[in-house]
Amino acid sequence: MIRESKLEDLTKINELGMKLIPNFIATYNIKDYLTNDKYIILVSVVDNINAFLIVLKNIDTYEIEAIYVDTNSRRKGIATKLLNYLEDHYLNKNDVILLEVAVNNENAIKLYKKFGFNIINTRHKYYKDIDAYVMKKVKE
């Protein structure tokens, strides 16, 4: 089940986020995000929260800031469900979704391309020594 996150999800989102990047809590102030209407945080819940999607919204542009699926829950279509939920419940026709992804994250790039994203730019050394693709999708 995909749903909007709640304040009581804070601890679990931070736990998962620390698996994504060690400084997750300092980078993403999830407690503030949960009370700020500029952010959408979606979670996947099976027995417990096993994935999240963090999105910054700005009128007709949505920027995916982070997406994470717990290791034991991967390859089950959860990231696709999160992205579909975002598109179905928040986006209007011609809205734009942007994201950055490390050029060596082949699985994520494959997912995003399957979902209709296109590479529009490369940010050199975006992740320290690793370049990032900027990807874009326009809702039809």
Protein backbone atom coordinates (compact mmCIF):
# COMPACT_ATOMS: atom_id res chain seq x y z
CA MET A 1 0.00 0.00 0.00
CA ILE A 2 1.26 3.47 -0.92
CA ARG A 3 0.20 6.42 1.22
CA GLU A 4 1.30 9.88 2.29
CA SER A 5 3.64 9.80 5.23
CA LYS A 6 2.66 10.94 8.69
CA LEU A 7 4.64 12.40 11.56
CA GLU A 8 4.68 9.00 13.28
CA ASP A 9 6.61 7.65 10.25
CA LEU A 10 9.57 9.95 10.98
CA THR A 11 11.75 7.41 12.80
CA LYS A 12 11.31 4.69 10.18
CA ILE A 13 11.92 7.08 7.25
CA ASN A 14 15.12 8.28 8.95
CA GLU A 15 16.23 4.67 9.57
CA LEU A 16 15.75 3.80 5.91
CA GLY A 17 17.31 7.08 4.82
CA MET A 18 20.49 6.31 6.75
CA LYS A 19 20.86 3.23 4.54
CA LEU A 20 20.64 5.49 1.49
CA ILE A 21 23.20 8.03 2.69
CA PRO A 22 24.97 8.18 6.07
CA ASN A 23 24.17 11.88 6.60
CA PHE A 24 20.48 11.52 5.66
CA ILE A 25 19.14 13.14 8.84
CA ALA A 26 21.34 16.22 8.40
CA THR A 27 20.61 16.42 4.66
CA TYR A 28 16.84 15.91 4.84
CA ASN A 29 14.96 17.40 7.75
CA ILE A 30 12.02 15.03 7.42
CA LYS A 31 10.18 16.44 10.43
CA ASP A 32 10.12 19.87 8.77
CA TYR A 33 9.26 18.34 5.40
CA LEU A 34 6.23 16.62 6.91
CA THR A 35 4.79 19.96 8.03
CA ASN A 36 5.71 21.88 4.86
CA ASP A 37 3.20 21.73 2.01
CA LYS A 38 6.01 22.14 -0.54
CA TYR A 39 7.04 18.53 0.08
CA ILE A 40 5.36 15.27 -0.69
CA ILE A 41 6.63 12.23 1.14
CA LEU A 42 5.11 8.93 0.10
CA VAL A 43 5.76 5.64 1.83
CA SER A 44 5.21 2.01 0.93
CA VAL A 45 3.80 -0.07 3.74
CA VAL A 46 3.63 -3.84 3.77
CA ASP A 47 4.10 -4.98 7.37
CA ASN A 48 6.16 -1.88 8.04
CA ILE A 49 7.44 1.03 5.97
CA ASN A 50 9.81 -0.47 3.42
CA ALA A 51 10.28 2.44 1.01
CA PHE A 52 9.88 6.18 0.64
CA LEU A 53 9.80 8.89 -2.02
CA ILE A 54 10.59 12.53 -1.21
CA VAL A 55 9.44 15.16 -3.69
CA LEU A 56 9.73 18.96 -3.70
CA LYS A 57 6.79 20.57 -5.48
CA ASN A 58 6.82 24.00 -7.07
CA ILE A 59 3.67 24.91 -9.00
CA ASP A 60 3.97 22.67 -12.09
CA THR A 61 7.41 21.19 -11.43
CA TYR A 62 8.14 18.29 -9.10
CA GLU A 63 11.69 17.40 -8.16
CA ILE A 64 12.41 13.94 -6.82
CA GLU A 65 14.90 14.48 -4.01
CA ALA A 66 15.20 10.89 -2.79
CA ILE A 67 13.73 7.48 -3.38
CA TYR A 68 14.69 4.41 -1.43
CA VAL A 69 13.45 0.84 -1.26
CA ASP A 70 14.76 -1.38 1.53
CA THR A 71 17.11 -4.11 0.32
CA ASN A 72 14.72 -6.96 1.19
CA SER A 73 11.88 -5.31 -0.75
CA ARG A 74 13.65 -4.57 -4.02
CA ARG A 75 12.66 -5.99 -7.41
CA LYS A 76 9.00 -6.11 -6.41
CA GLY A 77 7.82 -3.01 -8.27
CA ILE A 78 7.68 -0.78 -5.20
CA ALA A 79 9.61 2.14 -6.71
CA THR A 80 7.32 1.96 -9.74
CA LYS A 81 4.27 2.02 -7.45
CA LEU A 82 5.63 5.07 -5.63
CA LEU A 83 6.24 6.91 -8.92
CA ASN A 84 2.82 5.91 -10.29
CA TYR A 85 1.12 7.11 -7.10
CA LEU A 86 2.90 10.45 -7.36
CA GLU A 87 1.86 10.86 -10.98
CA ASP A 88 -1.73 9.67 -10.48
CA HIS A 89 -2.49 11.67 -7.33
CA TYR A 90 -0.47 14.88 -7.65
CA LEU A 91 0.45 15.70 -11.21
CA ASN A 92 -1.62 17.39 -13.89
CA LYS A 93 -1.11 17.23 -17.63
CA ASN A 94 2.14 18.96 -18.70
CA ASP A 95 3.58 18.99 -15.17
CA VAL A 96 7.32 18.28 -15.12
CA ILE A 97 9.18 15.80 -12.92
CA LEU A 98 12.95 16.25 -12.53
CA LEU A 99 15.58 14.17 -10.77
CA GLU A 100 19.32 13.58 -10.54
CA VAL A 101 20.80 10.10 -10.58
CA ALA A 102 24.40 8.93 -10.42
CA VAL A 103 25.59 7.85 -13.88
CA ASN A 104 26.74 4.52 -12.43
CA ASN A 105 23.34 3.70 -10.87
CA GLU A 106 22.27 1.55 -13.79
CA ASN A 107 19.23 0.00 -12.09
CA ALA A 108 17.76 3.39 -11.21
CA ILE A 109 18.44 4.80 -14.68
CA LYS A 110 16.74 1.77 -16.22
CA LEU A 111 13.70 2.27 -13.96
CA TYR A 112 13.46 5.98 -14.76
CA LYS A 113 13.77 5.39 -18.51
CA LYS A 114 11.09 2.70 -18.29
CA PHE A 115 8.91 5.24 -16.50
CA GLY A 116 9.40 7.76 -19.33
CA PHE A 117 12.23 9.94 -18.06
CA ASN A 118 14.85 11.24 -20.49
CA ILE A 119 18.39 12.38 -19.78
CA ILE A 120 18.58 16.13 -20.40
CA ASN A 121 21.93 17.05 -18.88
CA THR A 122 24.97 15.78 -17.01
CA ARG A 123 26.21 17.38 -13.80
CA HIS A 124 29.90 16.70 -13.48
CA LYS A 125 31.15 15.49 -10.10
CA TYR A 126 27.69 16.01 -8.62
CA TYR A 127 28.21 13.18 -6.13
CA LYS A 128 31.81 13.98 -5.15
CA ASP A 129 33.71 12.14 -7.91
CA ILE A 130 30.67 10.73 -9.70
CA ASP A 131 28.71 12.53 -12.40
CA ALA A 132 24.93 12.67 -12.31
CA TYR A 133 22.35 12.66 -15.06
CA VAL A 134 19.55 15.16 -14.84
CA MET A 135 16.41 13.39 -16.02
CA LYS A 136 13.03 14.84 -16.94
CA LYS A 137 9.54 13.62 -17.62
CA VAL A 138 6.50 15.62 -18.68
CA LYS A 139 3.13 14.17 -17.73
CA GLU A 140 1.00 13.56 -20.78
